[in-house]
Amino acid sequence: METVSLELQVESVERSIAFLRKEQMTLLRDLHLEVLSLQKRCAELTCELSMKVPEESQREVAEETELNRCCQQAEARLWEQECYHRELCKELSHKGALVGALRASLKNKERHFLEELKRRSHKITVLNTELQKQSEAAAYLSFQLHAARQKLHQQHHQHPPSRVSDRRLVPGPSLVTSINLKPKKTNLPTSQLHADCK
């Protein structure tokens, strides 16, 4: 969004500068033509005045004076316009430098953005690969755990624990006490005992 706004500002400044330059050149051309026309007319009147008798030239002298005054005014306006044109050229040069700096800044930001995007894309690819490896490892471990549980379950059914179930004996109090105090012995392996406790 910031890049688009800067580009729009640059285009607006360039259009304004082009328009001002065109208007300035047109005005300068018109002023030059006006000055040339007045100078030509002044020269013509001067030539005519030199050919006429002094009695008849008073009105023409006044006209020549007026024309000279108009020429001086036109020259003053031309000088002002030339000064304005020079100032405009300076401003144009400054804005051109600003446009160049903005373009360089935009290119630098674009380059950094692309580098950051490339770095993040590479990081995402690495993370996805690592996640896939971990998922495969978890699936493999889950499969092994399931197989081990099935194996333990099968061993439990194939080797059930032995039980004391002889009902023909009627133990006395001392025998009952000895049976209750002594722990049961079993032939099951330790892993099977842990499985039974679970």
Protein backbone atom coordinates (compact mmCIF):
# COMPACT_ATOMS: atom_id res chain seq x y z
CA MET A 1 0.00 0.00 0.00
CA GLU A 2 2.84 2.44 0.89
CA THR A 3 4.62 1.64 -2.40
CA VAL A 4 1.48 2.36 -4.47
CA SER A 5 0.96 5.71 -2.68
CA LEU A 6 4.57 6.80 -3.35
CA GLU A 7 4.28 5.86 -7.02
CA LEU A 8 1.06 7.88 -7.34
CA GLN A 9 2.76 10.90 -5.74
CA VAL A 10 5.70 10.59 -8.11
CA GLU A 11 3.42 10.43 -11.15
CA SER A 12 1.43 13.46 -9.92
CA VAL A 13 4.62 15.51 -9.43
CA GLU A 14 5.91 14.56 -12.88
CA ARG A 15 2.61 15.55 -14.54
CA SER A 16 2.59 18.90 -12.71
CA ILE A 17 6.17 19.62 -13.70
CA ALA A 18 5.48 18.79 -17.35
CA PHE A 19 2.41 21.03 -17.39
CA LEU A 20 4.29 23.98 -15.81
CA ARG A 21 7.17 23.56 -18.20
CA LYS A 22 4.82 23.60 -21.20
CA GLU A 23 3.02 26.73 -19.96
CA GLN A 24 6.33 28.47 -19.24
CA MET A 25 7.71 27.77 -22.71
CA THR A 26 4.51 29.05 -24.34
CA LEU A 27 4.60 32.27 -22.31
CA LEU A 28 8.28 32.87 -23.05
CA ARG A 29 7.70 32.37 -26.77
CA ASP A 30 4.80 34.85 -26.77
CA LEU A 31 6.85 37.45 -24.88
CA HIS A 32 9.77 37.10 -27.27
CA LEU A 33 7.46 37.58 -30.23
CA GLU A 34 5.91 40.65 -28.62
CA VAL A 35 9.33 42.18 -27.90
CA LEU A 36 10.50 41.55 -31.46
CA SER A 37 7.33 43.09 -32.84
CA LEU A 38 7.70 46.19 -30.67
CA GLN A 39 11.37 46.56 -31.53
CA LYS A 40 10.55 46.29 -35.22
CA ARG A 41 7.81 48.87 -34.90
CA CYS A 42 10.12 51.17 -32.95
CA ALA A 43 12.80 50.89 -35.62
CA GLU A 44 10.24 51.65 -38.32
CA LEU A 45 8.98 54.71 -36.48
CA THR A 46 12.53 55.91 -35.85
CA CYS A 47 13.30 55.58 -39.54
CA GLU A 48 10.12 57.43 -40.49
CA LEU A 49 10.83 60.13 -37.94
CA SER A 50 14.30 60.76 -39.32
CA MET A 51 12.84 61.33 -42.78
CA LYS A 52 10.16 63.81 -41.73
CA VAL A 53 10.54 67.46 -40.86
CA PRO A 54 10.79 68.29 -37.16
CA GLU A 55 7.44 70.12 -37.13
CA GLU A 56 5.57 67.01 -38.14
CA SER A 57 7.47 64.63 -35.89
CA GLN A 58 6.32 65.71 -32.43
CA ARG A 59 3.35 63.34 -32.41
CA GLU A 60 5.51 60.56 -33.75
CA VAL A 61 8.14 61.26 -31.08
CA ALA A 62 5.44 60.82 -28.46
CA GLU A 63 4.41 57.57 -30.08
CA GLU A 64 7.99 56.42 -30.16
CA THR A 65 8.37 57.28 -26.49
CA GLU A 66 5.26 55.30 -25.70
CA LEU A 67 6.52 52.39 -27.74
CA ASN A 68 9.86 52.51 -25.96
CA ARG A 69 8.04 52.46 -22.63
CA CYS A 70 6.03 49.44 -23.80
CA CYS A 71 9.24 47.75 -24.92
CA GLN A 72 10.83 48.37 -21.53
CA GLN A 73 7.79 46.95 -19.78
CA ALA A 74 7.82 43.91 -22.05
CA GLU A 75 11.53 43.40 -21.41
CA ALA A 76 10.95 43.70 -17.66
CA ARG A 77 8.17 41.11 -17.87
CA LEU A 78 10.43 38.90 -19.96
CA TRP A 79 13.17 39.20 -17.33
CA GLU A 80 10.73 38.28 -14.59
CA GLN A 81 9.54 35.29 -16.55
CA GLU A 82 13.10 34.17 -17.18
CA CYS A 83 13.85 34.42 -13.44
CA TYR A 84 10.70 32.43 -12.73
CA HIS A 85 11.76 29.91 -15.35
CA ARG A 86 15.15 29.51 -13.66
CA GLU A 87 13.48 28.99 -10.29
CA LEU A 88 11.15 26.47 -11.87
CA CYS A 89 14.12 24.62 -13.34
CA LYS A 90 15.73 24.49 -9.90
CA GLU A 91 12.52 23.14 -8.40
CA LEU A 92 12.25 20.66 -11.24
CA SER A 93 15.80 19.47 -10.58
CA HIS A 94 15.06 19.14 -6.85
CA LYS A 95 11.86 17.20 -7.48
CA GLY A 96 13.69 15.02 -10.00
CA ALA A 97 16.26 14.17 -7.34
CA LEU A 98 13.43 13.47 -4.90
CA VAL A 99 11.76 11.19 -7.44
CA GLY A 100 15.04 9.34 -7.96
CA ALA A 101 15.47 8.91 -4.21
CA LEU A 102 11.90 7.66 -3.86
CA ARG A 103 12.40 5.16 -6.67
CA ALA A 104 15.64 3.94 -5.12
CA SER A 105 13.88 3.60 -1.76
CA LEU A 106 11.05 1.67 -3.39
CA LYS A 107 13.48 -0.67 -5.11
CA ASN A 108 15.38 -1.20 -1.85
CA LYS A 109 12.15 -1.95 0.05
CA GLU A 110 11.01 -4.29 -2.71
CA ARG A 111 14.36 -6.10 -2.61
CA HIS A 112 14.21 -6.49 1.18
CA PHE A 113 10.60 -7.68 0.93
CA LEU A 114 11.49 -10.31 -1.66
CA GLU A 115 14.47 -11.48 0.41
CA GLU A 116 12.31 -11.75 3.53
CA LEU A 117 9.61 -13.57 1.57
CA LYS A 118 12.20 -16.01 0.19
CA ARG A 119 13.66 -16.58 3.66
CA ARG A 120 10.25 -17.24 5.19
CA SER A 121 9.28 -19.53 2.34
CA HIS A 122 12.45 -21.55 2.89
CA LYS A 123 11.78 -21.67 6.63
CA ILE A 124 8.20 -22.85 6.04
CA THR A 125 9.48 -25.56 3.70
CA VAL A 126 11.99 -26.74 6.32
CA LEU A 127 9.32 -26.73 9.05
CA ASN A 128 6.89 -28.64 6.84
CA THR A 129 9.56 -31.23 6.11
CA GLU A 130 10.37 -31.57 9.81
CA LEU A 131 6.66 -31.82 10.66
CA GLN A 132 6.21 -34.54 8.06
CA LYS A 133 9.17 -36.48 9.50
CA GLN A 134 7.80 -36.17 13.03
CA SER A 135 4.35 -37.26 11.88
CA GLU A 136 5.84 -40.32 10.20
CA ALA A 137 7.89 -41.11 13.34
CA ALA A 138 4.80 -40.73 15.54
CA ALA A 139 2.80 -43.01 13.26
CA TYR A 140 5.60 -45.60 13.33
CA LEU A 141 5.85 -45.46 17.14
CA SER A 142 2.07 -45.72 17.44
CA PHE A 143 2.15 -48.79 15.21
CA GLN A 144 4.92 -50.36 17.32
CA LEU A 145 3.04 -49.58 20.54
CA HIS A 146 -0.12 -51.17 19.17
CA ALA A 147 1.81 -54.28 18.07
CA ALA A 148 3.48 -54.57 21.49
CA ARG A 149 0.13 -54.33 23.25
CA GLN A 150 -1.33 -57.02 21.01
CA LYS A 151 1.66 -59.23 21.74
CA LEU A 152 1.28 -58.76 25.50
CA HIS A 153 -2.43 -59.45 25.24
CA GLN A 154 -1.74 -62.70 23.37
CA GLN A 155 0.86 -63.76 25.94
CA HIS A 156 -1.60 -63.05 28.74
CA HIS A 157 -4.19 -65.39 27.19
CA GLN A 158 -1.65 -68.12 26.38
CA HIS A 159 -0.16 -68.22 29.94
CA PRO A 160 -2.92 -67.46 32.50
CA PRO A 161 -1.81 -67.14 36.19
CA SER A 162 -2.04 -70.22 38.46
CA ARG A 163 -4.59 -70.13 41.31
CA VAL A 164 -5.03 -72.14 44.53
CA SER A 165 -8.44 -73.82 44.06
CA ASP A 166 -8.31 -77.11 45.97
CA ARG A 167 -11.61 -77.15 47.87
CA ARG A 168 -11.05 -80.61 49.42
CA LEU A 169 -8.75 -79.15 52.06
CA VAL A 170 -10.32 -77.42 55.00
CA PRO A 171 -7.48 -75.37 56.40
CA GLY A 172 -7.30 -74.55 60.03
CA PRO A 173 -6.78 -71.11 61.42
CA SER A 174 -3.01 -71.41 61.36
CA LEU A 175 -3.01 -72.48 57.69
CA VAL A 176 -5.40 -69.67 56.70
CA THR A 177 -3.19 -67.20 58.49
CA SER A 178 -0.07 -68.49 56.75
CA ILE A 179 -1.78 -68.37 53.35
CA ASN A 180 -2.98 -64.79 53.88
CA LEU A 181 0.43 -63.64 55.03
CA LYS A 182 2.45 -65.22 52.24
CA PRO A 183 2.25 -63.55 48.81
CA LYS A 184 1.18 -65.54 45.85
CA LYS A 185 3.91 -66.87 43.62
CA THR A 186 3.40 -66.92 39.88
CA ASN A 187 5.35 -68.21 36.95
CA LEU A 188 4.48 -65.19 34.75
CA PRO A 189 7.32 -62.98 33.53
CA THR A 190 7.83 -59.53 35.00
CA SER A 191 6.43 -57.78 31.91
CA GLN A 192 3.26 -59.84 32.15
CA LEU A 193 2.87 -58.88 35.83
CA HIS A 194 3.12 -55.22 34.94
CA ALA A 195 0.51 -55.72 32.24
CA ASP A 196 -1.84 -57.41 34.75
CA CYS A 197 -1.39 -54.57 37.21
CA LYS A 198 -2.46 -52.16 34.55
